[in-house]
C-alpha atoms as a PDB file:
ATOM      1  CA  MET A   1     112.328 108.863  49.366  1.00  0.00           C
ATOM      2  CA  VAL A   2     115.665 109.969  48.299  1.00  0.00           C
ATOM      3  CA  LEU A   3     117.606 112.012  50.412  1.00  0.00           C
ATOM      4  CA  PRO A   4     120.033 114.677  48.593  1.00  0.00           C
ATOM      5  CA  GLU A   5     123.301 113.995  50.663  1.00  0.00           C
ATOM      6  CA  ILE A   6     124.352 116.647  52.417  1.00  0.00           C
ATOM      7  CA  ALA A   7     128.296 117.471  51.977  1.00  0.00           C
ATOM      8  CA  ALA A   8     129.648 119.580  54.997  1.00  0.00           C
ATOM      9  CA  ALA A   9     131.873 122.532  53.245  1.00  0.00           C
ATOM     10  CA  ALA A  10     134.947 123.807  55.851  1.00  0.00           C
ATOM     11  CA  SER A  11     135.096 126.631  57.206  1.00  0.00           C
ATOM     12  CA  CYS A  12     138.105 128.780  56.951  1.00  0.00           C
ATOM     13  CA  TYR A  13     138.861 131.552  59.115  1.00  0.00           C
ATOM     14  CA  PRO A  14     141.268 133.698  58.173  1.00  0.00           C
ATOM     15  CA  PRO A  15     143.254 135.313  60.920  1.00  0.00           C
ATOM     16  CA  THR A  16     143.168 138.411  62.406  1.00  0.00           C
ATOM     17  CA  LYS A  17     146.321 141.039  60.980  1.00  0.00           C
ATOM     18  CA  PRO A  18     148.382 141.884  63.404  1.00  0.00           C
ATOM     19  CA  PHE A  19     148.006 145.648  65.124  1.00  0.00           C
ATOM     20  CA  VAL A  20     150.632 147.777  65.290  1.00  0.00           C
ATOM     21  CA  PRO A  21     150.565 150.924  67.263  1.00  0.00           C
ATOM     22  CA  SER A  22     151.009 154.394  65.148  1.00  0.00           C
ATOM     23  CA  ASP A  23     152.722 155.669  68.332  1.00  0.00           C
ATOM     24  CA  PRO A  24     156.562 154.404  68.116  1.00  0.00           C
ATOM     25  CA  GLN A  25     157.336 154.085  72.073  1.00  0.00           C
ATOM     26  CA  ALA A  26     154.160 152.207  71.995  1.00  0.00           C
ATOM     27  CA  VAL A  27     155.553 149.774  69.598  1.00  0.00           C
ATOM     28  CA  ARG A  28     159.004 149.945  71.389  1.00  0.00           C
ATOM     29  CA  GLU A  29     156.839 148.999  74.988  1.00  0.00           C
ATOM     30  CA  TYR A  30     154.921 146.401  73.400  1.00  0.00           C
ATOM     31  CA  ALA A  31     157.289 145.390  70.793  1.00  0.00           C
ATOM     32  CA  ASP A  32     157.633 140.870  72.033  1.00  0.00           C
ATOM     33  CA  LEU A  33     153.596 141.213  72.441  1.00  0.00           C
ATOM     34  CA  ILE A  34     153.428 142.973  68.267  1.00  0.00           C
ATOM     35  CA  ARG A  35     156.471 140.638  67.326  1.00  0.00           C
ATOM     36  CA  SER A  36     154.008 137.237  68.585  1.00  0.00           C
ATOM     37  CA  ASP A  37     151.045 138.932  67.309  1.00  0.00           C
ATOM     38  CA  PHE A  38     153.368 138.849  63.995  1.00  0.00           C
ATOM     39  CA  GLU A  39     154.758 134.967  64.161  1.00  0.00           C
ATOM     40  CA  LEU A  40     151.157 134.122  65.763  1.00  0.00           C
ATOM     41  CA  TYR A  41     149.900 135.416  61.954  1.00  0.00           C
ATOM     42  CA  ILE A  42     152.189 134.287  60.089  1.00  0.00           C
ATOM     43  CA  ARG A  43     151.935 130.334  60.904  1.00  0.00           C
ATOM     44  CA  ASP A  44     147.574 130.937  61.285  1.00  0.00           C
ATOM     45  CA  ILE A  45     147.930 132.501  57.351  1.00  0.00           C
ATOM     46  CA  GLN A  46     149.462 129.581  56.405  1.00  0.00           C
ATOM     47  CA  SER A  47     146.717 126.928  57.485  1.00  0.00           C
ATOM     48  CA  TYR A  48     144.256 129.182  56.369  1.00  0.00           C
ATOM     49  CA  PHE A  49     146.000 128.818  52.769  1.00  0.00           C
ATOM     50  CA  ARG A  50     145.760 124.832  53.504  1.00  0.00           C
ATOM     51  CA  CYS A  51     141.801 125.037  54.257  1.00  0.00           C
ATOM     52  CA  LEU A  52     140.878 127.103  51.018  1.00  0.00           C
ATOM     53  CA  GLU A  53     142.759 124.745  49.245  1.00  0.00           C
ATOM     54  CA  GLU A  54     141.589 121.843  50.707  1.00  0.00           C
ATOM     55  CA  GLU A  55     137.513 122.905  50.405  1.00  0.00           C
ATOM     56  CA  ARG A  56     138.748 124.123  46.989  1.00  0.00           C
ATOM     57  CA  ALA A  57     139.618 120.789  45.898  1.00  0.00           C
ATOM     58  CA  ARG A  58     136.635 118.932  47.684  1.00  0.00           C
ATOM     59  CA  ALA A  59     134.389 121.613  45.836  1.00  0.00           C
ATOM     60  CA  PHE A  60     136.124 120.315  42.839  1.00  0.00           C
ATOM     61  CA  GLU A  61     135.461 117.386  43.309  1.00  0.00           C
ATOM     62  CA  GLU A  62     131.821 117.940  44.034  1.00  0.00           C
ATOM     63  CA  ALA A  63     131.286 119.101  41.090  1.00  0.00           C
ATOM     64  CA  ARG A  64     132.513 116.529  39.326  1.00  0.00           C
ATOM     65  CA  GLU A  65     130.323 114.486  40.974  1.00  0.00           C
ATOM     66  CA  VAL A  66     127.338 116.407  40.504  1.00  0.00           C
ATOM     67  CA  SER A  67     128.121 117.053  36.753  1.00  0.00           C
ATOM     68  CA  GLN A  68     128.200 113.195  36.390  1.00  0.00           C
ATOM     69  CA  GLU A  69     124.931 112.908  38.537  1.00  0.00           C
ATOM     70  CA  TYR A  70     123.260 115.481  35.745  1.00  0.00           C
ATOM     71  CA  GLY A  71     124.412 113.440  32.649  1.00  0.00           C
ATOM     72  CA  ARG A  72     123.074 110.250  33.984  1.00  0.00           C
ATOM     73  CA  PHE A  73     120.052 112.057  35.003  1.00  0.00           C
ATOM     74  CA  LEU A  74     119.115 113.366  31.436  1.00  0.00           C
ATOM     75  CA  GLN A  75     120.274 110.244  29.629  1.00  0.00           C
ATOM     76  CA  THR A  76     117.023 108.661  32.067  1.00  0.00           C
ATOM     77  CA  VAL A  77     114.718 111.436  31.324  1.00  0.00           C
ATOM     78  CA  ASP A  78     115.255 111.003  27.694  1.00  0.00           C
ATOM     79  CA  GLU A  79     115.329 107.896  27.707  1.00  0.00           C
END
């Protein structure tokens, strides 16, 4: 019996977009917290982009391998 290889795909979760209150007074009052949220978002979105790129590369390589395996399969059944 042949068991298929299980490939674990990366889980890339986008960061939550920072919330900015519509009330200018609240913006001023929570400016430090809002600024921190934006900085955290910028850091996390960069990590998210890296994750997506790594997953794209992994999936591309997997698709290449599967295509080669399929070619070998077709050669075997056509013999």
